[in-house]
Amino acid sequence: MRWFRSLGNIVDLIAKWLGYSASVLVPLAAAIVLFEITMRYVFNAPTLWVHETSGFLFAALSLLAGAYCLREDGHVKMDFLYARWSPRVRAIVDILTTPLPVVFCAILLWKGGVHAWLSVKALETSSSAWEPPLWPFKLILPLAALMLSAEVMVKFFRNLAIAIRLGEDKRS
């Protein structure tokens, strides 16, 4: 299982790097929104590109930070129950609920991959007056889903090890 620990550490490292990288998008998006507010209300010269760009940035942030959030146990849980359980019970509950994120990730990979492929193939652009390319942002969805899937699998096998290891401790 040493190879799995190494692979899990690599997945964790990539998730951490993506999370930190995505966090840079927050001040960038805030800065461009502040720029728009200044241009619109101070200079009476609204921009064409800020609304769409800030939407792209916040979507990218949300998608890229998903695996990092899972890595850090930041997703919503029933903490008032979950925190009271033993590590083994928490691991078993996490194992039993793993099919939900697996199905979610599979659908994101499938549908997101199809949309991204069609978008890249057509070099899709927005229908707005600014017409930015959409395909780079559509590529983020299947890539983020792939990363989230990897983190889900790492968590699953770590929880399996906890459930088995702590189960053996009770029998000895």
Protein backbone atom coordinates (compact mmCIF):
# COMPACT_ATOMS: atom_id res chain seq x y z
CA MET A 1 0.00 0.00 0.00
CA ARG A 2 3.05 2.27 -0.02
CA TRP A 3 2.41 3.09 -3.70
CA PHE A 4 -1.12 4.17 -2.81
CA ARG A 5 0.14 6.48 -0.06
CA SER A 6 2.51 8.07 -2.56
CA LEU A 7 -0.24 8.44 -5.16
CA GLY A 8 -2.60 9.84 -2.53
CA ASN A 9 0.03 12.36 -1.47
CA ILE A 10 0.47 13.44 -5.10
CA VAL A 11 -3.30 13.87 -5.51
CA ASP A 12 -3.38 15.87 -2.26
CA LEU A 13 -0.50 18.03 -3.42
CA ILE A 14 -2.22 18.79 -6.75
CA ALA A 15 -5.50 19.55 -4.96
CA LYS A 16 -3.68 21.85 -2.55
CA TRP A 17 -1.89 23.60 -5.43
CA LEU A 18 -5.18 24.02 -7.33
CA GLY A 19 -6.89 25.39 -4.23
CA TYR A 20 -4.14 27.90 -3.57
CA SER A 21 -4.02 28.87 -7.25
CA ALA A 22 -7.79 29.31 -7.35
CA SER A 23 -7.63 31.53 -4.28
CA VAL A 24 -5.70 34.07 -6.35
CA LEU A 25 -8.83 34.49 -8.47
CA VAL A 26 -10.76 36.01 -5.54
CA PRO A 27 -8.80 39.28 -5.27
CA LEU A 28 -8.54 39.41 -9.07
CA ALA A 29 -12.33 39.13 -9.46
CA ALA A 30 -12.86 41.64 -6.65
CA ALA A 31 -10.44 44.07 -8.32
CA ILE A 32 -12.20 43.92 -11.67
CA VAL A 33 -15.60 44.37 -10.03
CA LEU A 34 -14.23 47.38 -8.15
CA PHE A 35 -12.86 48.67 -11.47
CA GLU A 36 -16.35 48.32 -13.01
CA ILE A 37 -17.97 50.14 -10.09
CA THR A 38 -15.46 52.96 -10.40
CA MET A 39 -15.86 53.19 -14.18
CA ARG A 40 -19.65 53.07 -14.02
CA TYR A 41 -20.37 55.39 -11.10
CA VAL A 42 -17.37 57.72 -11.03
CA PHE A 43 -16.62 58.12 -14.74
CA ASN A 44 -20.04 57.13 -16.16
CA ALA A 45 -18.23 54.73 -18.53
CA PRO A 46 -19.38 51.14 -17.88
CA THR A 47 -17.35 48.29 -19.35
CA LEU A 48 -18.49 45.46 -21.61
CA TRP A 49 -16.23 42.79 -20.20
CA VAL A 50 -16.30 42.91 -16.39
CA HIS A 51 -19.62 41.17 -15.73
CA GLU A 52 -18.75 38.20 -17.92
CA THR A 53 -15.14 38.00 -16.78
CA SER A 54 -16.07 38.04 -13.10
CA GLY A 55 -18.56 35.24 -13.74
CA PHE A 56 -15.86 33.18 -15.46
CA LEU A 57 -13.43 33.79 -12.61
CA PHE A 58 -15.91 32.86 -9.87
CA ALA A 59 -16.95 29.71 -11.80
CA ALA A 60 -13.29 28.72 -12.23
CA LEU A 61 -12.66 29.38 -8.54
CA SER A 62 -15.59 27.21 -7.47
CA LEU A 63 -14.62 24.34 -9.74
CA LEU A 64 -10.89 24.35 -9.08
CA ALA A 65 -11.30 24.61 -5.32
CA GLY A 66 -13.61 21.57 -5.08
CA ALA A 67 -10.87 18.97 -4.64
CA TYR A 68 -9.02 21.20 -2.18
CA CYS A 69 -12.22 21.65 -0.18
CA LEU A 70 -12.71 17.87 -0.05
CA ARG A 71 -9.06 17.39 0.94
CA GLU A 72 -9.57 19.80 3.86
CA ASP A 73 -12.95 18.29 4.88
CA GLY A 74 -14.63 21.59 4.02
CA HIS A 75 -17.76 20.19 2.40
CA VAL A 76 -21.04 20.30 4.30
CA LYS A 77 -21.72 17.50 6.76
CA MET A 78 -24.09 16.91 9.62
CA ASP A 79 -21.35 18.00 12.04
CA PHE A 80 -23.52 17.84 15.13
CA LEU A 81 -23.68 14.07 14.61
CA TYR A 82 -20.48 13.44 12.69
CA ALA A 83 -18.20 15.06 15.28
CA ARG A 84 -19.56 12.80 18.03
CA TRP A 85 -18.77 9.57 16.21
CA SER A 86 -15.59 7.57 16.56
CA PRO A 87 -13.04 7.74 13.71
CA ARG A 88 -14.09 4.25 12.60
CA VAL A 89 -17.79 5.13 12.44
CA ARG A 90 -16.99 8.35 10.54
CA ALA A 91 -14.87 6.34 8.10
CA ILE A 92 -17.65 3.80 7.57
CA VAL A 93 -20.23 6.54 7.00
CA ASP A 94 -17.89 8.23 4.53
CA ILE A 95 -17.40 4.89 2.73
CA LEU A 96 -21.16 4.32 2.52
CA THR A 97 -21.77 7.82 1.13
CA THR A 98 -18.94 7.63 -1.44
CA PRO A 99 -21.29 6.57 -4.29
CA LEU A 100 -22.93 10.02 -4.19
CA PRO A 101 -19.83 12.04 -5.11
CA VAL A 102 -18.73 9.27 -7.50
CA VAL A 103 -21.99 9.59 -9.46
CA PHE A 104 -21.78 13.39 -9.30
CA CYS A 105 -18.19 13.36 -10.63
CA ALA A 106 -19.06 10.81 -13.32
CA ILE A 107 -21.86 13.03 -14.61
CA LEU A 108 -19.62 16.11 -14.50
CA LEU A 109 -16.89 14.26 -16.39
CA TRP A 110 -19.30 12.88 -18.96
CA LYS A 111 -21.45 15.93 -19.64
CA GLY A 112 -18.71 18.47 -18.96
CA GLY A 113 -16.32 16.55 -21.19
CA VAL A 114 -18.82 16.46 -24.06
CA HIS A 115 -19.55 20.19 -23.75
CA ALA A 116 -15.86 21.05 -23.44
CA TRP A 117 -14.96 18.93 -26.48
CA LEU A 118 -17.68 20.52 -28.63
CA SER A 119 -16.65 23.97 -27.40
CA VAL A 120 -12.97 23.39 -28.22
CA LYS A 121 -13.83 21.87 -31.57
CA ALA A 122 -15.92 24.92 -32.52
CA LEU A 123 -13.59 27.42 -30.79
CA GLU A 124 -16.76 28.66 -29.11
CA THR A 125 -17.06 32.29 -28.10
CA SER A 126 -19.63 34.11 -26.01
CA SER A 127 -22.61 35.68 -27.72
CA SER A 128 -22.06 38.96 -25.89
CA ALA A 129 -20.76 42.13 -27.56
CA TRP A 130 -17.31 41.40 -26.12
CA GLU A 131 -17.24 37.79 -27.47
CA PRO A 132 -14.55 36.22 -25.28
CA PRO A 133 -13.58 32.59 -25.98
CA LEU A 134 -15.62 30.16 -23.89
CA TRP A 135 -13.72 26.95 -24.58
CA PRO A 136 -10.89 27.55 -22.05
CA PHE A 137 -13.45 27.96 -19.28
CA LYS A 138 -15.47 24.95 -20.43
CA LEU A 139 -12.30 22.83 -20.25
CA ILE A 140 -12.05 23.60 -16.54
CA LEU A 141 -15.21 21.59 -15.72
CA PRO A 142 -14.04 18.11 -16.77
CA LEU A 143 -10.51 18.77 -15.48
CA ALA A 144 -11.88 19.86 -12.10
CA ALA A 145 -14.24 16.86 -12.06
CA LEU A 146 -11.30 14.56 -12.78
CA MET A 147 -9.33 16.08 -9.90
CA LEU A 148 -12.34 15.86 -7.57
CA SER A 149 -12.81 12.21 -8.60
CA ALA A 150 -9.19 11.46 -7.74
CA GLU A 151 -9.57 13.10 -4.33
CA VAL A 152 -12.81 11.16 -3.70
CA MET A 153 -10.98 7.90 -4.42
CA VAL A 154 -8.06 8.86 -2.18
CA LYS A 155 -10.50 9.67 0.65
CA PHE A 156 -12.36 6.41 0.06
CA PHE A 157 -9.25 4.24 0.36
CA ARG A 158 -7.98 6.19 3.37
CA ASN A 159 -11.34 5.70 5.07
CA LEU A 160 -11.28 2.02 4.16
CA ALA A 161 -7.87 1.69 5.80
CA ILE A 162 -9.15 3.46 8.93
CA ALA A 163 -12.26 1.25 9.12
CA ILE A 164 -10.24 -1.95 8.71
CA ARG A 165 -7.33 -0.92 10.94
CA LEU A 166 -9.54 0.26 13.80
CA GLY A 167 -11.76 -2.80 13.36
CA GLU A 168 -8.69 -5.02 13.87
CA ASP A 169 -7.74 -3.07 17.01
CA LYS A 170 -11.10 -3.95 18.57
CA ARG A 171 -10.61 -7.71 17.95
CA SER A 172 -7.13 -7.97 19.43
